[in-house]
C-alpha atoms as a PDB file:
ATOM      1  CA  MET A   1      -7.793 -32.069  59.712  1.00  0.00           C
ATOM      2  CA  LYS A   2      -9.230 -33.242  63.003  1.00  0.00           C
ATOM      3  CA  LYS A   3      -9.136 -31.610  66.313  1.00  0.00           C
ATOM      4  CA  ILE A   4      -8.806 -34.008  69.316  1.00  0.00           C
ATOM      5  CA  GLU A   5      -9.590 -32.716  72.669  1.00  0.00           C
ATOM      6  CA  ALA A   6      -8.860 -35.057  75.622  1.00  0.00           C
ATOM      7  CA  ILE A   7      -9.612 -34.670  79.279  1.00  0.00           C
ATOM      8  CA  ILE A   8      -7.315 -36.964  81.312  1.00  0.00           C
ATOM      9  CA  ARG A   9      -6.097 -37.704  84.628  1.00  0.00           C
ATOM     10  CA  LYS A  10      -3.188 -35.308  85.627  1.00  0.00           C
ATOM     11  CA  SER A  11      -1.427 -38.141  86.964  1.00  0.00           C
ATOM     12  CA  LYS A  12      -1.450 -39.553  83.513  1.00  0.00           C
ATOM     13  CA  TYR A  13      -0.093 -36.607  81.556  1.00  0.00           C
ATOM     14  CA  ARG A  14       3.473 -37.169  81.619  1.00  0.00           C
ATOM     15  CA  VAL A  15       3.013 -40.947  80.092  1.00  0.00           C
ATOM     16  CA  VAL A  16       0.396 -39.576  77.348  1.00  0.00           C
ATOM     17  CA  LYS A  17       2.975 -36.863  76.761  1.00  0.00           C
ATOM     18  CA  GLU A  18       5.846 -39.331  75.712  1.00  0.00           C
ATOM     19  CA  ALA A  19       3.221 -41.674  74.139  1.00  0.00           C
ATOM     20  CA  LEU A  20       2.156 -38.815  71.720  1.00  0.00           C
ATOM     21  CA  HIS A  21       5.636 -37.813  71.077  1.00  0.00           C
ATOM     22  CA  ASP A  22       6.768 -41.314  70.289  1.00  0.00           C
ATOM     23  CA  VAL A  23       4.182 -41.600  67.539  1.00  0.00           C
ATOM     24  CA  GLY A  24       4.894 -38.208  65.862  1.00  0.00           C
ATOM     25  CA  VAL A  25       2.572 -35.794  67.580  1.00  0.00           C
ATOM     26  CA  ASN A  26       4.955 -33.200  68.680  1.00  0.00           C
ATOM     27  CA  PHE A  27       2.893 -30.085  69.202  1.00  0.00           C
ATOM     28  CA  PHE A  28      -0.363 -29.593  71.272  1.00  0.00           C
ATOM     29  CA  SER A  29      -1.622 -27.204  74.271  1.00  0.00           C
ATOM     30  CA  TYR A  30      -2.814 -28.036  77.273  1.00  0.00           C
ATOM     31  CA  TRP A  31      -4.764 -26.686  80.346  1.00  0.00           C
ATOM     32  CA  ASP A  32      -5.359 -27.712  83.995  1.00  0.00           C
ATOM     33  CA  VAL A  33      -9.059 -27.698  84.319  1.00  0.00           C
ATOM     34  CA  THR A  34     -11.616 -28.584  86.971  1.00  0.00           C
ATOM     35  CA  GLY A  35     -14.887 -30.334  86.134  1.00  0.00           C
ATOM     36  CA  LEU A  36     -17.725 -32.486  87.442  1.00  0.00           C
ATOM     37  CA  GLY A  37     -18.039 -36.184  86.740  1.00  0.00           C
ATOM     38  CA  ASN A  38     -19.068 -39.682  88.067  1.00  0.00           C
ATOM     39  CA  GLU A  39     -15.777 -40.111  89.861  1.00  0.00           C
ATOM     40  CA  LYS A  40     -15.773 -38.701  93.519  1.00  0.00           C
ATOM     41  CA  GLU A  41     -12.380 -37.984  94.927  1.00  0.00           C
ATOM     42  CA  GLY A  42     -11.951 -38.475  98.511  1.00  0.00           C
ATOM     43  CA  HIS A  43      -9.657 -36.310 100.671  1.00  0.00           C
ATOM     44  CA  VAL A  44      -8.695 -36.405 104.247  1.00  0.00           C
ATOM     45  CA  TYR A  45      -7.873 -33.371 106.345  1.00  0.00           C
ATOM     46  CA  ARG A  46      -6.683 -33.618 109.843  1.00  0.00           C
ATOM     47  CA  GLY A  47      -8.032 -37.316 110.119  1.00  0.00           C
ATOM     48  CA  VAL A  48     -11.440 -36.315 108.646  1.00  0.00           C
ATOM     49  CA  SER A  49     -12.567 -37.847 105.321  1.00  0.00           C
ATOM     50  CA  TYR A  50     -14.655 -35.869 102.766  1.00  0.00           C
ATOM     51  CA  SER A  51     -15.459 -36.273  99.104  1.00  0.00           C
ATOM     52  CA  THR A  52     -15.972 -33.480  96.655  1.00  0.00           C
ATOM     53  CA  SER A  53     -17.406 -33.523  93.241  1.00  0.00           C
ATOM     54  CA  ASP A  54     -14.656 -31.303  91.900  1.00  0.00           C
ATOM     55  CA  ILE A  55     -12.252 -33.204  89.905  1.00  0.00           C
ATOM     56  CA  GLN A  56      -8.847 -31.901  88.697  1.00  0.00           C
ATOM     57  CA  ARG A  57      -7.956 -32.975  85.149  1.00  0.00           C
ATOM     58  CA  ARG A  58      -5.528 -31.924  82.102  1.00  0.00           C
ATOM     59  CA  TYR A  59      -7.245 -30.799  78.845  1.00  0.00           C
ATOM     60  CA  LEU A  60      -5.513 -31.801  75.733  1.00  0.00           C
ATOM     61  CA  SER A  61      -6.136 -29.760  72.265  1.00  0.00           C
ATOM     62  CA  ILE A  62      -4.501 -31.438  69.464  1.00  0.00           C
ATOM     63  CA  VAL A  63      -4.753 -30.655  65.624  1.00  0.00           C
ATOM     64  CA  VAL A  64      -3.629 -33.291  63.357  1.00  0.00           C
ATOM     65  CA  ASN A  65      -3.813 -34.232  59.827  1.00  0.00           C
ATOM     66  CA  ASP A  66      -6.486 -36.686  58.868  1.00  0.00           C
ATOM     67  CA  ASP A  67      -4.022 -39.574  58.754  1.00  0.00           C
ATOM     68  CA  PHE A  68      -2.939 -39.238  62.210  1.00  0.00           C
ATOM     69  CA  GLU A  69      -6.293 -39.181  63.754  1.00  0.00           C
ATOM     70  CA  GLU A  70      -6.529 -42.927  64.398  1.00  0.00           C
ATOM     71  CA  ILE A  71      -2.894 -43.139  65.779  1.00  0.00           C
ATOM     72  CA  THR A  72      -3.489 -39.989  67.986  1.00  0.00           C
ATOM     73  CA  ILE A  73      -6.686 -41.427  69.529  1.00  0.00           C
ATOM     74  CA  LYS A  74      -5.486 -45.017  70.003  1.00  0.00           C
ATOM     75  CA  THR A  75      -2.131 -43.695  71.673  1.00  0.00           C
ATOM     76  CA  ILE A  76      -4.463 -41.421  74.396  1.00  0.00           C
ATOM     77  CA  LEU A  77      -6.671 -44.282  74.767  1.00  0.00           C
ATOM     78  CA  ASN A  78      -3.824 -46.976  75.722  1.00  0.00           C
ATOM     79  CA  SER A  79      -1.762 -44.343  77.797  1.00  0.00           C
ATOM     80  CA  ALA A  80      -4.333 -42.536  79.689  1.00  0.00           C
ATOM     81  CA  ALA A  81      -6.486 -45.682  80.879  1.00  0.00           C
ATOM     82  CA  THR A  82      -6.268 -47.097  84.276  1.00  0.00           C
ATOM     83  CA  GLY A  83      -9.519 -48.904  84.173  1.00  0.00           C
ATOM     84  CA  GLU A  84     -11.223 -47.021  86.901  1.00  0.00           C
ATOM     85  CA  VAL A  85     -14.163 -44.681  86.623  1.00  0.00           C
ATOM     86  CA  GLY A  86     -12.714 -41.015  85.806  1.00  0.00           C
ATOM     87  CA  ASP A  87     -10.293 -41.942  83.142  1.00  0.00           C
ATOM     88  CA  GLY A  88     -11.367 -38.938  80.941  1.00  0.00           C
ATOM     89  CA  LYS A  89     -13.029 -38.467  77.467  1.00  0.00           C
ATOM     90  CA  ILE A  90     -12.075 -37.872  73.847  1.00  0.00           C
ATOM     91  CA  PHE A  91     -13.738 -35.507  71.516  1.00  0.00           C
ATOM     92  CA  VAL A  92     -13.035 -35.295  67.601  1.00  0.00           C
ATOM     93  CA  SER A  93     -14.340 -32.587  65.547  1.00  0.00           C
ATOM     94  CA  ASP A  94     -13.425 -31.633  61.976  1.00  0.00           C
ATOM     95  CA  VAL A  95     -11.106 -28.380  61.550  1.00  0.00           C
ATOM     96  CA  LYS A  96     -11.960 -26.365  58.248  1.00  0.00           C
ATOM     97  CA  GLU A  97      -8.600 -24.655  57.860  1.00  0.00           C
ATOM     98  CA  CYS A  98      -5.386 -23.997  59.550  1.00  0.00           C
ATOM     99  CA  TYR A  99      -3.207 -20.827  58.904  1.00  0.00           C
ATOM    100  CA  ARG A 100       0.510 -20.455  59.762  1.00  0.00           C
ATOM    101  CA  ILE A 101       0.919 -16.969  61.081  1.00  0.00           C
ATOM    102  CA  ARG A 102       4.602 -16.261  60.482  1.00  0.00           C
ATOM    103  CA  THR A 103       3.998 -17.225  56.512  1.00  0.00           C
ATOM    104  CA  GLY A 104       0.441 -16.781  55.864  1.00  0.00           C
ATOM    105  CA  GLU A 105       0.410 -20.346  54.305  1.00  0.00           C
ATOM    106  CA  LYS A 106      -2.565 -22.457  54.905  1.00  0.00           C
ATOM    107  CA  GLY A 107      -3.695 -26.159  54.967  1.00  0.00           C
ATOM    108  CA  GLY A 108      -2.528 -29.399  56.379  1.00  0.00           C
ATOM    109  CA  ASP A 109       1.219 -28.722  55.980  1.00  0.00           C
ATOM    110  CA  THR A 110       0.939 -25.955  58.450  1.00  0.00           C
ATOM    111  CA  LEU A 111       0.865 -28.713  60.920  1.00  0.00           C
ATOM    112  CA  LYS A 112       4.221 -29.791  60.279  1.00  0.00           C
END
């Protein structure tokens, strides 16, 4: 099993969510996060323009069986990209085990 963590633009969340559902990834968790990066967002307040290094993003945490790793990553890459600095990052790590709390069963079938 793999854990895929993606940090994406908040404006791309709906597109990414729908694309993931289309390929069969129907469960994941997400959080609104603030981070620092290379992108500098500009803001205008009362006609005065200023920029900040704090960037609002959405953090997705997805656990999939090994055979879904590639399609999940490709789906996020294709649906989250704008071609501009600040599109985000994807991190992949191994998941040793998974348990379903309700039944106590373990293994890859718990993700279905």
